[in-house]
Protein backbone atom coordinates (compact mmCIF):
# COMPACT_ATOMS: atom_id res chain seq x y z
CA MET A 1 -20.20 110.69 22.70
CA ALA A 2 -21.97 107.43 21.84
CA THR A 3 -22.11 108.47 18.20
CA VAL A 4 -18.35 108.94 18.06
CA ASP A 5 -17.72 105.43 19.52
CA MET A 6 -20.02 103.76 17.01
CA THR A 7 -18.29 105.52 14.17
CA ALA A 8 -14.88 104.33 15.43
CA ASN A 9 -16.07 100.73 15.74
CA ALA A 10 -17.48 100.79 12.22
CA ALA A 11 -14.21 102.08 10.90
CA GLU A 12 -12.30 99.28 12.65
CA LEU A 13 -14.63 96.66 11.26
CA HIS A 14 -14.29 98.04 7.78
CA TYR A 15 -10.49 98.02 8.07
CA GLY A 16 -10.49 94.42 9.37
CA ALA A 17 -12.66 93.28 6.50
CA GLN A 18 -10.32 94.87 4.00
CA GLU A 19 -7.31 93.10 5.54
CA LEU A 20 -9.17 89.76 5.50
CA LYS A 21 -10.04 90.16 1.83
CA ALA A 22 -6.40 90.90 1.07
CA TYR A 23 -5.18 87.88 3.15
CA ILE A 24 -7.45 85.23 1.62
CA PRO A 25 -5.92 85.31 -1.90
CA ARG A 26 -2.38 85.20 -0.51
CA ALA A 27 -3.21 82.29 1.85
CA THR A 28 -4.96 80.42 -0.96
CA GLN A 29 -1.96 80.83 -3.26
CA ARG A 30 0.46 79.66 -0.57
CA GLY A 31 -1.71 76.60 0.22
CA PHE A 32 -1.91 75.66 -3.47
CA LEU A 33 1.86 75.92 -3.83
CA ALA A 34 2.41 73.83 -0.72
CA ALA A 35 0.00 71.12 -1.95
CA LEU A 36 1.62 71.08 -5.38
CA LEU A 37 5.06 70.75 -3.81
CA LEU A 38 3.86 67.89 -1.63
CA LEU A 39 2.34 66.12 -4.66
CA VAL A 40 5.61 66.47 -6.58
CA LEU A 41 7.54 65.02 -3.66
CA CYS A 42 5.16 62.06 -3.40
CA ILE A 43 5.39 61.33 -7.12
CA GLY A 44 9.17 61.55 -7.03
CA GLY A 45 9.42 59.25 -4.01
CA TYR A 46 7.10 56.67 -5.60
CA SER A 47 9.16 56.76 -8.81
CA LEU A 48 12.34 56.15 -6.85
CA PHE A 49 10.67 53.24 -5.05
CA LEU A 50 9.61 51.63 -8.33
CA ALA A 51 13.10 52.05 -9.78
CA ALA A 52 14.73 50.48 -6.73
CA SER A 53 12.27 47.55 -6.78
CA ALA A 54 12.93 46.92 -10.49
CA ALA A 55 16.68 47.00 -9.93
CA GLY A 56 16.43 44.54 -7.05
CA ALA A 57 14.20 42.16 -9.04
CA LYS A 58 16.59 42.02 -11.97
CA LYS A 59 19.52 41.12 -9.76
CA GLY A 60 19.69 37.32 -9.29
CA PRO A 61 22.20 34.67 -8.28
CA PRO A 62 25.37 34.59 -10.35
CA ILE A 63 25.37 32.13 -13.22
CA ASN A 64 28.45 30.06 -13.78
CA LYS A 65 29.02 29.93 -17.50
CA MET A 66 31.34 27.34 -19.01
CA LYS A 67 32.33 26.84 -22.58
CA LEU A 68 32.28 23.40 -24.15
CA THR A 69 35.95 23.68 -24.88
CA ASN A 70 36.68 23.92 -21.13
CA LEU A 71 34.96 20.63 -20.20
CA PRO A 72 37.20 17.94 -18.66
CA PRO A 73 37.91 14.81 -20.71
CA PRO A 74 35.64 11.78 -20.14
CA PRO A 75 36.91 9.07 -17.76
CA ALA A 76 38.91 6.29 -19.30
CA GLN A 77 37.03 3.02 -19.86
CA THR A 78 38.53 0.27 -17.73
CA ASP A 79 36.26 -2.62 -18.83
CA ALA A 80 37.97 -5.05 -21.13
CA ALA A 81 36.58 -5.34 -24.62
CA PRO A 82 34.54 -8.51 -25.28
CA PRO A 83 36.44 -11.30 -27.01
CA PRO A 84 35.88 -11.63 -30.74
CA PRO A 85 33.49 -14.35 -31.86
CA PRO A 86 35.08 -17.68 -32.68
CA THR A 87 35.83 -18.23 -36.29
CA THR A 88 34.84 -21.90 -36.14
CA ALA A 89 31.83 -23.50 -34.53
CA PRO A 90 32.56 -25.56 -31.37
CA GLY A 91 30.48 -28.46 -32.62
CA PRO A 92 28.45 -29.71 -35.52
CA ALA A 93 25.62 -27.47 -36.69
CA ALA A 94 22.02 -28.60 -36.18
CA ARG A 95 20.34 -29.89 -39.22
CA ALA A 96 16.69 -29.54 -40.14
CA GLY A 97 14.76 -32.11 -42.08
CA THR A 98 12.24 -34.90 -41.93
CA PRO A 99 12.74 -37.25 -38.94
CA VAL A 100 13.58 -40.84 -39.87
CA PRO A 101 11.77 -43.61 -37.94
CA VAL A 102 14.05 -45.92 -35.94
CA PRO A 103 13.28 -49.65 -35.68
CA ASP A 104 12.25 -50.89 -32.22
CA ALA A 105 15.29 -53.15 -32.14
CA LEU A 106 17.61 -50.11 -32.11
CA ILE A 107 15.78 -48.31 -29.24
CA ALA A 108 17.25 -48.69 -25.77
CA PRO A 109 15.17 -50.85 -23.38
CA ASP A 110 14.51 -47.98 -20.94
CA VAL A 111 13.27 -45.73 -23.76
CA LYS A 112 10.61 -48.29 -24.77
CA ASP A 113 8.85 -47.79 -21.41
CA PHE A 114 8.04 -44.09 -22.03
CA ALA A 115 4.33 -43.39 -22.46
CA ASN A 116 2.81 -42.15 -25.66
CA VAL A 117 0.47 -39.19 -26.05
CA ASP A 118 -2.61 -41.20 -25.08
CA GLU A 119 -1.00 -42.69 -21.97
CA ILE A 120 0.83 -39.62 -20.64
CA SER A 121 -2.11 -38.54 -18.45
CA ARG A 122 -2.08 -41.94 -16.67
CA ALA A 123 1.66 -42.66 -16.62
CA SER A 124 3.82 -42.81 -13.50
CA THR A 125 7.41 -41.70 -12.92
CA THR A 126 8.62 -45.26 -12.23
CA GLY A 127 6.54 -47.21 -14.69
CA GLY A 128 4.27 -50.08 -13.77
CA ASP A 129 2.78 -53.38 -14.71
CA GLY A 130 0.05 -51.97 -16.95
CA ASN A 131 -2.47 -51.13 -14.24
CA ASP A 132 -3.45 -47.48 -14.04
CA VAL A 133 -2.19 -45.82 -10.86
CA GLY A 134 -3.32 -42.30 -11.64
CA TYR A 135 -1.65 -39.22 -12.99
CA LEU A 136 2.15 -39.49 -12.54
CA GLY A 137 1.63 -42.08 -9.81
CA LEU A 138 0.48 -39.42 -7.31
CA ALA A 139 -3.22 -40.19 -7.09
CA SER A 140 -2.76 -43.08 -4.64
CA GLU A 141 -0.36 -41.07 -2.46
CA VAL A 142 -2.40 -37.87 -2.02
CA GLU A 143 -5.14 -37.85 0.57
CA THR A 144 -7.70 -35.10 0.30
CA GLU A 145 -9.76 -33.92 3.25
CA VAL A 146 -12.96 -32.00 2.63
CA ARG A 147 -13.99 -29.70 5.47
CA GLU A 148 -17.41 -28.15 5.55
CA GLU A 149 -17.41 -24.55 6.69
CA GLU A 150 -19.88 -23.65 9.38
CA PRO A 151 -22.37 -20.94 8.34
CA ASN A 152 -22.22 -17.54 9.97
CA ALA A 153 -24.75 -16.88 12.68
CA TYR A 154 -26.75 -14.29 10.70
CA ASP A 155 -26.20 -15.32 7.08
CA PHE A 156 -29.34 -16.03 5.07
CA ILE A 157 -29.61 -19.74 4.26
CA PRO A 158 -32.44 -20.78 1.92
CA VAL A 159 -33.96 -23.93 3.39
CA GLU A 160 -37.22 -25.81 2.98
CA LYS A 161 -37.47 -26.42 6.73
CA GLU A 162 -35.71 -24.63 9.58
CA PRO A 163 -34.45 -26.44 12.68
CA TYR A 164 -37.35 -27.33 14.96
CA ILE A 165 -37.88 -28.16 18.62
CA ASP A 166 -41.02 -28.33 20.73
CA ILE A 167 -40.83 -25.21 22.91
CA LYS A 168 -43.14 -26.70 25.54
CA GLU A 169 -40.94 -29.77 25.91
CA LEU A 170 -37.88 -27.51 26.06
CA GLN A 171 -39.42 -25.39 28.83
CA LYS A 172 -39.95 -28.57 30.90
CA LYS A 173 -36.20 -29.21 30.84
CA VAL A 174 -35.36 -25.73 32.17
CA VAL A 175 -34.17 -25.78 35.81
CA TYR A 176 -34.99 -22.48 37.50
CA PRO A 177 -31.84 -21.13 39.21
CA ASP A 178 -32.24 -21.04 43.02
CA LEU A 179 -30.58 -17.64 43.34
CA ALA A 180 -32.88 -16.12 40.72
CA LYS A 181 -35.89 -17.78 42.37
CA ARG A 182 -35.03 -16.42 45.82
CA ALA A 183 -34.47 -12.95 44.31
CA GLY A 184 -37.81 -13.16 42.49
CA ILE A 185 -36.20 -12.63 39.06
CA GLU A 186 -38.27 -13.44 35.98
CA GLY A 187 -37.61 -12.80 32.30
CA LYS A 188 -36.66 -14.21 28.93
CA VAL A 189 -33.33 -15.35 27.45
CA SER A 190 -33.01 -15.45 23.64
CA ILE A 191 -30.33 -17.85 22.41
CA ARG A 192 -29.19 -18.39 18.81
CA VAL A 193 -28.01 -21.97 18.40
CA LEU A 194 -26.25 -23.76 15.53
CA VAL A 195 -28.07 -27.05 14.96
CA GLY A 196 -26.01 -29.70 13.19
CA LYS A 197 -27.27 -31.91 10.42
CA ASN A 198 -27.78 -34.66 13.02
CA GLY A 199 -29.97 -32.36 15.14
CA VAL A 200 -27.41 -31.92 17.93
CA PRO A 201 -26.59 -28.29 18.94
CA LYS A 202 -23.00 -27.32 18.18
CA LYS A 203 -22.65 -23.66 19.17
CA TYR A 204 -24.72 -20.94 20.80
CA ILE A 205 -24.89 -17.15 21.11
CA ILE A 206 -26.82 -15.33 23.83
CA GLU A 207 -28.65 -12.65 21.84
CA SER A 208 -30.53 -10.98 24.71
CA THR A 209 -31.30 -11.63 28.36
CA ASP A 210 -33.31 -10.03 31.15
CA SER A 211 -30.87 -11.24 33.80
CA ASP A 212 -27.47 -12.91 33.74
CA LEU A 213 -28.65 -15.26 36.50
CA LEU A 214 -30.93 -16.97 33.96
CA ASN A 215 -28.36 -17.54 31.18
CA ASP A 216 -26.73 -20.78 32.35
CA ALA A 217 -30.04 -22.56 32.90
CA ALA A 218 -31.28 -21.56 29.43
CA VAL A 219 -28.04 -22.65 27.74
CA LYS A 220 -28.01 -26.04 29.52
CA ALA A 221 -31.59 -26.75 28.51
CA ILE A 222 -30.97 -25.94 24.84
CA MET A 223 -27.57 -27.61 24.44
CA SER A 224 -28.87 -30.84 26.01
CA SER A 225 -31.82 -31.06 23.59
CA VAL A 226 -32.08 -32.70 20.17
CA PHE A 227 -33.59 -30.71 17.31
CA THR A 228 -35.06 -31.65 13.97
CA PRO A 229 -32.32 -30.42 11.56
CA ALA A 230 -32.89 -27.97 8.74
CA ILE A 231 -33.65 -29.39 5.30
CA GLN A 232 -32.17 -28.02 2.08
CA ASN A 233 -32.65 -29.84 -1.23
CA ASN A 234 -34.06 -32.80 0.73
CA GLN A 235 -30.80 -33.05 2.71
CA PRO A 236 -30.14 -32.10 6.38
CA ILE A 237 -27.69 -29.21 6.82
CA ASP A 238 -26.16 -27.14 9.62
CA CYS A 239 -28.30 -24.07 10.32
CA TRP A 240 -28.71 -21.37 12.98
CA VAL A 241 -32.01 -20.72 14.73
CA SER A 242 -33.09 -18.40 17.59
CA ILE A 243 -34.86 -20.00 20.57
CA PRO A 244 -36.53 -18.04 23.42
CA VAL A 245 -36.48 -19.49 26.94
CA VAL A 246 -38.99 -17.94 29.38
CA PHE A 247 -38.62 -17.94 33.17
CA ARG A 248 -41.82 -17.39 35.18
CA LEU A 249 -42.34 -17.95 38.89
CA ARG A 250 -45.54 -19.81 39.74
């Protein structure tokens, strides 16, 4: 009985294999045809897309064409034509030639007072009695004021000698602030001062300080002192210099 069942199963397997072999070629042919049809549809759709894009690109805004014969006439000119040149000259024509000297007796009195080429640089507008009054009479009327510009605080100034003061004598003039003394504050105040050519301080800048309570005392001591001015080309000049003032409790 087992032998009969095995024979039946083998027959079914053989029949199934035969059907599968027959189905594979048909399925392959149908798949190829379907793929080919899909490829044709894609190519046709892409061609239609390119044609539509080209047609849309060629279409542009309408152009208004006009022939030259249809142009309107130019506007009429309303400006009046310029008058014709006069046929005769309004006055005598200028003549060229060699100038003829005129005797002094025929020259008007006011013309005789005009200056010549050598005197023009010293002549005045109203004349004079022969004494020079300057160019066009303005030299005695114009007052000039020369102002010396103060040097900048940190500009380099070449000098033979910088402003000088005895630091020990300056320290003796410093009055220690009571508030800073009671608070036990010590320190140093560096002040940059502009010393005039006469040795008197003119301006100051507080460069650095250890306490604001010490600033006023340092400034008063420096601004009330007299310096030896800076020397440049053997002449005193205005010059900036930095001076330290030290505060120490004893």
